[in-house]
Amino acid sequence: MMRLPGNRDDSGSAAEPRPLVCARCGARAEGSQPTWTFSVEGGVRRHYCDTCSREHLRAIEGRLDSAWW
């Protein structure tokens, strides 16, 4: 594979993880949140907090985009 001058390969460096933010209400996660819901809508990754996930469970299970909630 050819690399252009000045391009660095940072694949070995550990990037600091960004905190999760709920796409619906804007709540921020403290640390790891295994109970949050993850969705890909239109190629965009979205995370939803526990509260929003519970409130919209039927829409999520029906695979409706969040625009329909």
C-alpha atoms as a PDB file:
ATOM      1  CA  MET A   1       0.000   0.000   0.000  1.00  0.00           C
ATOM      2  CA  MET A   2       1.364   3.416  -0.946  1.00  0.00           C
ATOM      3  CA  ARG A   3       1.364   6.268   1.561  1.00  0.00           C
ATOM      4  CA  LEU A   4       1.644   9.900   0.667  1.00  0.00           C
ATOM      5  CA  PRO A   5       4.375  11.974   2.339  1.00  0.00           C
ATOM      6  CA  GLY A   6       3.142  13.592   5.502  1.00  0.00           C
ATOM      7  CA  ASN A   7       0.377  11.045   6.092  1.00  0.00           C
ATOM      8  CA  ARG A   8       0.753   9.254   9.388  1.00  0.00           C
ATOM      9  CA  ASP A   9      -0.621   5.876  10.296  1.00  0.00           C
ATOM     10  CA  ASP A  10      -2.198   6.400  13.717  1.00  0.00           C
ATOM     11  CA  SER A  11      -3.905   3.014  13.787  1.00  0.00           C
ATOM     12  CA  GLY A  12      -1.656   1.866  16.642  1.00  0.00           C
ATOM     13  CA  SER A  13      -2.413   4.798  18.939  1.00  0.00           C
ATOM     14  CA  ALA A  14      -5.227   4.549  21.446  1.00  0.00           C
ATOM     15  CA  ALA A  15      -7.795   7.268  20.869  1.00  0.00           C
ATOM     16  CA  GLU A  16      -9.744   8.532  23.842  1.00  0.00           C
ATOM     17  CA  PRO A  17     -13.345   7.305  23.524  1.00  0.00           C
ATOM     18  CA  ARG A  18     -16.009   9.949  23.050  1.00  0.00           C
ATOM     19  CA  PRO A  19     -18.861   9.916  25.577  1.00  0.00           C
ATOM     20  CA  LEU A  20     -22.204   8.620  24.331  1.00  0.00           C
ATOM     21  CA  VAL A  21     -24.901  11.239  23.768  1.00  0.00           C
ATOM     22  CA  CYS A  22     -28.547  10.262  23.329  1.00  0.00           C
ATOM     23  CA  ALA A  23     -29.717  11.192  19.822  1.00  0.00           C
ATOM     24  CA  ARG A  24     -33.237  11.817  21.146  1.00  0.00           C
ATOM     25  CA  CYS A  25     -32.909  13.789  24.404  1.00  0.00           C
ATOM     26  CA  GLY A  26     -29.205  14.721  24.514  1.00  0.00           C
ATOM     27  CA  ALA A  27     -28.440  12.866  27.775  1.00  0.00           C
ATOM     28  CA  ARG A  28     -24.740  12.118  28.248  1.00  0.00           C
ATOM     29  CA  ALA A  29     -23.502   8.718  29.380  1.00  0.00           C
ATOM     30  CA  GLU A  30     -21.085   8.363  32.265  1.00  0.00           C
ATOM     31  CA  GLY A  31     -18.639   5.609  31.313  1.00  0.00           C
ATOM     32  CA  SER A  32     -19.770   2.393  29.651  1.00  0.00           C
ATOM     33  CA  GLN A  33     -23.541   2.075  29.098  1.00  0.00           C
ATOM     34  CA  PRO A  34     -24.386  -1.493  28.045  1.00  0.00           C
ATOM     35  CA  THR A  35     -28.124  -0.797  28.417  1.00  0.00           C
ATOM     36  CA  TRP A  36     -28.224   1.987  25.825  1.00  0.00           C
ATOM     37  CA  THR A  37     -29.694   1.218  22.396  1.00  0.00           C
ATOM     38  CA  PHE A  38     -27.584   1.522  19.242  1.00  0.00           C
ATOM     39  CA  SER A  39     -29.100   2.149  15.809  1.00  0.00           C
ATOM     40  CA  VAL A  40     -27.889   2.924  12.288  1.00  0.00           C
ATOM     41  CA  GLU A  41     -30.329   5.127  10.379  1.00  0.00           C
ATOM     42  CA  GLY A  42     -29.456   6.346   6.901  1.00  0.00           C
ATOM     43  CA  GLY A  43     -25.820   5.404   7.504  1.00  0.00           C
ATOM     44  CA  VAL A  44     -25.637   7.485  10.697  1.00  0.00           C
ATOM     45  CA  ARG A  45     -24.840   5.807  14.031  1.00  0.00           C
ATOM     46  CA  ARG A  46     -27.206   6.820  16.825  1.00  0.00           C
ATOM     47  CA  HIS A  47     -27.324   5.947  20.517  1.00  0.00           C
ATOM     48  CA  TYR A  48     -30.432   6.176  22.719  1.00  0.00           C
ATOM     49  CA  CYS A  49     -30.482   6.325  26.525  1.00  0.00           C
ATOM     50  CA  ASP A  50     -32.428   3.895  28.730  1.00  0.00           C
ATOM     51  CA  THR A  51     -35.376   6.261  29.131  1.00  0.00           C
ATOM     52  CA  CYS A  52     -35.811   6.990  25.418  1.00  0.00           C
ATOM     53  CA  SER A  53     -35.317   3.315  24.573  1.00  0.00           C
ATOM     54  CA  ARG A  54     -38.078   2.295  26.991  1.00  0.00           C
ATOM     55  CA  GLU A  55     -40.490   5.017  25.844  1.00  0.00           C
ATOM     56  CA  HIS A  56     -40.111   4.037  22.184  1.00  0.00           C
ATOM     57  CA  LEU A  57     -39.603   0.271  22.512  1.00  0.00           C
ATOM     58  CA  ARG A  58     -42.435  -0.696  20.137  1.00  0.00           C
ATOM     59  CA  ALA A  59     -41.208   1.685  17.434  1.00  0.00           C
ATOM     60  CA  ILE A  60     -37.657   0.347  17.819  1.00  0.00           C
ATOM     61  CA  GLU A  61     -38.824  -3.270  17.625  1.00  0.00           C
ATOM     62  CA  GLY A  62     -40.924  -2.363  14.565  1.00  0.00           C
ATOM     63  CA  ARG A  63     -37.747  -0.945  12.988  1.00  0.00           C
ATOM     64  CA  LEU A  64     -39.258   2.490  12.473  1.00  0.00           C
ATOM     65  CA  ASP A  65     -36.797   5.337  11.934  1.00  0.00           C
ATOM     66  CA  SER A  66     -36.628   7.739  14.861  1.00  0.00           C
ATOM     67  CA  ALA A  67     -38.286  10.413  12.697  1.00  0.00           C
ATOM     68  CA  TRP A  68     -41.551   8.430  13.135  1.00  0.00           C
ATOM     69  CA  TRP A  69     -41.372   8.369  16.941  1.00  0.00           C
END
